[in-house]
Amino acid sequence: MKGMLLFIIKAYQFVVSPMLGDRCRFYPSCSDYAYQAIERYGMFKGLCISLKRILRCHPFNPGGFDPVP
C-alpha cells in the first residue's frame, strides 16, 4: 500500500504538477514533503504529517524552508 501511494505521488509530480507550475510556498514542495514523510514514517503517520503541511500551504503563510521532521 505504501508503495502504491508513493507511486501516485510520483505520477502527480510528473503529470499534474508541471501543468500547474511552481505554486508551493514551501521548500521542499508539498508533494516532495509528502513523499519523504511517507517514506520515512510509513503510510499512516506520513499522511498525517503531510496533511498538516498541506493545510499550512495557503496565501497567508509566508512559507520557506520546512523539512520533514
C-alpha atoms as a PDB file:
ATOM      1  CA  MET A   1       0.000   0.000   0.000  1.00  0.00           C
ATOM      2  CA  LYS A   2       2.848   2.385   0.886  1.00  0.00           C
ATOM      3  CA  GLY A   3       4.490   1.700  -2.482  1.00  0.00           C
ATOM      4  CA  MET A   4       1.262   2.449  -4.337  1.00  0.00           C
ATOM      5  CA  LEU A   5       0.858   5.750  -2.501  1.00  0.00           C
ATOM      6  CA  LEU A   6       4.452   6.751  -3.308  1.00  0.00           C
ATOM      7  CA  PHE A   7       3.823   5.831  -6.956  1.00  0.00           C
ATOM      8  CA  ILE A   8       0.709   8.044  -7.021  1.00  0.00           C
ATOM      9  CA  ILE A   9       2.703  10.980  -5.628  1.00  0.00           C
ATOM     10  CA  LYS A  10       5.453  10.488  -8.247  1.00  0.00           C
ATOM     11  CA  ALA A  11       2.821  10.240 -11.004  1.00  0.00           C
ATOM     12  CA  TYR A  12       1.284  13.510  -9.762  1.00  0.00           C
ATOM     13  CA  GLN A  13       4.726  15.151  -9.796  1.00  0.00           C
ATOM     14  CA  PHE A  14       5.423  14.103 -13.388  1.00  0.00           C
ATOM     15  CA  VAL A  15       1.943  14.547 -14.904  1.00  0.00           C
ATOM     16  CA  VAL A  16      -0.103  17.136 -12.995  1.00  0.00           C
ATOM     17  CA  SER A  17       2.483  19.325 -11.271  1.00  0.00           C
ATOM     18  CA  PRO A  18       4.201  20.575 -14.471  1.00  0.00           C
ATOM     19  CA  MET A  19       0.836  21.830 -15.744  1.00  0.00           C
ATOM     20  CA  LEU A  20       0.228  23.806 -12.531  1.00  0.00           C
ATOM     21  CA  GLY A  21       3.673  25.393 -12.317  1.00  0.00           C
ATOM     22  CA  ASP A  22       5.645  26.298  -9.194  1.00  0.00           C
ATOM     23  CA  ARG A  23       2.971  27.282  -6.711  1.00  0.00           C
ATOM     24  CA  CYS A  24       4.089  25.748  -3.434  1.00  0.00           C
ATOM     25  CA  ARG A  25       5.165  28.302  -0.839  1.00  0.00           C
ATOM     26  CA  PHE A  26       7.494  25.851   0.852  1.00  0.00           C
ATOM     27  CA  TYR A  27      10.713  24.034   0.090  1.00  0.00           C
ATOM     28  CA  PRO A  28      10.582  21.118  -0.424  1.00  0.00           C
ATOM     29  CA  SER A  29       7.300  21.238  -2.330  1.00  0.00           C
ATOM     30  CA  CYS A  30       4.255  19.733  -0.640  1.00  0.00           C
ATOM     31  CA  SER A  31       4.364  16.652  -2.870  1.00  0.00           C
ATOM     32  CA  ASP A  32       8.088  16.105  -2.143  1.00  0.00           C
ATOM     33  CA  TYR A  33       7.371  16.619   1.542  1.00  0.00           C
ATOM     34  CA  ALA A  34       4.559  14.040   1.439  1.00  0.00           C
ATOM     35  CA  TYR A  35       6.787  11.553  -0.401  1.00  0.00           C
ATOM     36  CA  GLN A  36       9.591  11.972   2.143  1.00  0.00           C
ATOM     37  CA  ALA A  37       7.227  11.785   5.134  1.00  0.00           C
ATOM     38  CA  ILE A  38       5.540   8.599   3.907  1.00  0.00           C
ATOM     39  CA  GLU A  39       8.889   7.048   3.031  1.00  0.00           C
ATOM     40  CA  ARG A  40      10.331   7.895   6.465  1.00  0.00           C
ATOM     41  CA  TYR A  41       7.351   7.316   8.790  1.00  0.00           C
ATOM     42  CA  GLY A  42       5.111   4.917   6.917  1.00  0.00           C
ATOM     43  CA  MET A  43       1.711   5.400   5.404  1.00  0.00           C
ATOM     44  CA  PHE A  44      -0.438   6.472   8.366  1.00  0.00           C
ATOM     45  CA  LYS A  45       1.917   8.821  10.217  1.00  0.00           C
ATOM     46  CA  GLY A  46       3.376  10.109   6.935  1.00  0.00           C
ATOM     47  CA  LEU A  47      -0.093  11.014   5.652  1.00  0.00           C
ATOM     48  CA  CYS A  48      -0.929  12.805   8.918  1.00  0.00           C
ATOM     49  CA  ILE A  49       2.298  14.836   8.759  1.00  0.00           C
ATOM     50  CA  SER A  50       1.676  15.600   5.070  1.00  0.00           C
ATOM     51  CA  LEU A  51      -1.894  16.732   5.701  1.00  0.00           C
ATOM     52  CA  LYS A  52      -0.724  19.169   8.397  1.00  0.00           C
ATOM     53  CA  ARG A  53       1.776  20.610   5.923  1.00  0.00           C
ATOM     54  CA  ILE A  54      -0.789  20.895   3.116  1.00  0.00           C
ATOM     55  CA  LEU A  55      -3.155  22.739   5.461  1.00  0.00           C
ATOM     56  CA  ARG A  56      -0.366  25.275   6.159  1.00  0.00           C
ATOM     57  CA  CYS A  57       0.188  25.878   2.434  1.00  0.00           C
ATOM     58  CA  HIS A  58      -2.036  28.913   1.819  1.00  0.00           C
ATOM     59  CA  PRO A  59      -1.585  32.570   0.784  1.00  0.00           C
ATOM     60  CA  PHE A  60      -1.436  33.840   4.384  1.00  0.00           C
ATOM     61  CA  ASN A  61       1.548  31.665   5.325  1.00  0.00           C
ATOM     62  CA  PRO A  62       4.951  33.035   4.282  1.00  0.00           C
ATOM     63  CA  GLY A  63       6.277  29.534   3.519  1.00  0.00           C
ATOM     64  CA  GLY A  64      10.020  28.960   3.324  1.00  0.00           C
ATOM     65  CA  PHE A  65      12.253  26.020   4.199  1.00  0.00           C
ATOM     66  CA  ASP A  66      10.280  23.321   6.032  1.00  0.00           C
ATOM     67  CA  PRO A  67      11.958  19.892   6.092  1.00  0.00           C
ATOM     68  CA  VAL A  68      10.248  16.679   7.196  1.00  0.00           C
ATOM     69  CA  PRO A  69      10.794  16.307  10.976  1.00  0.00           C
END
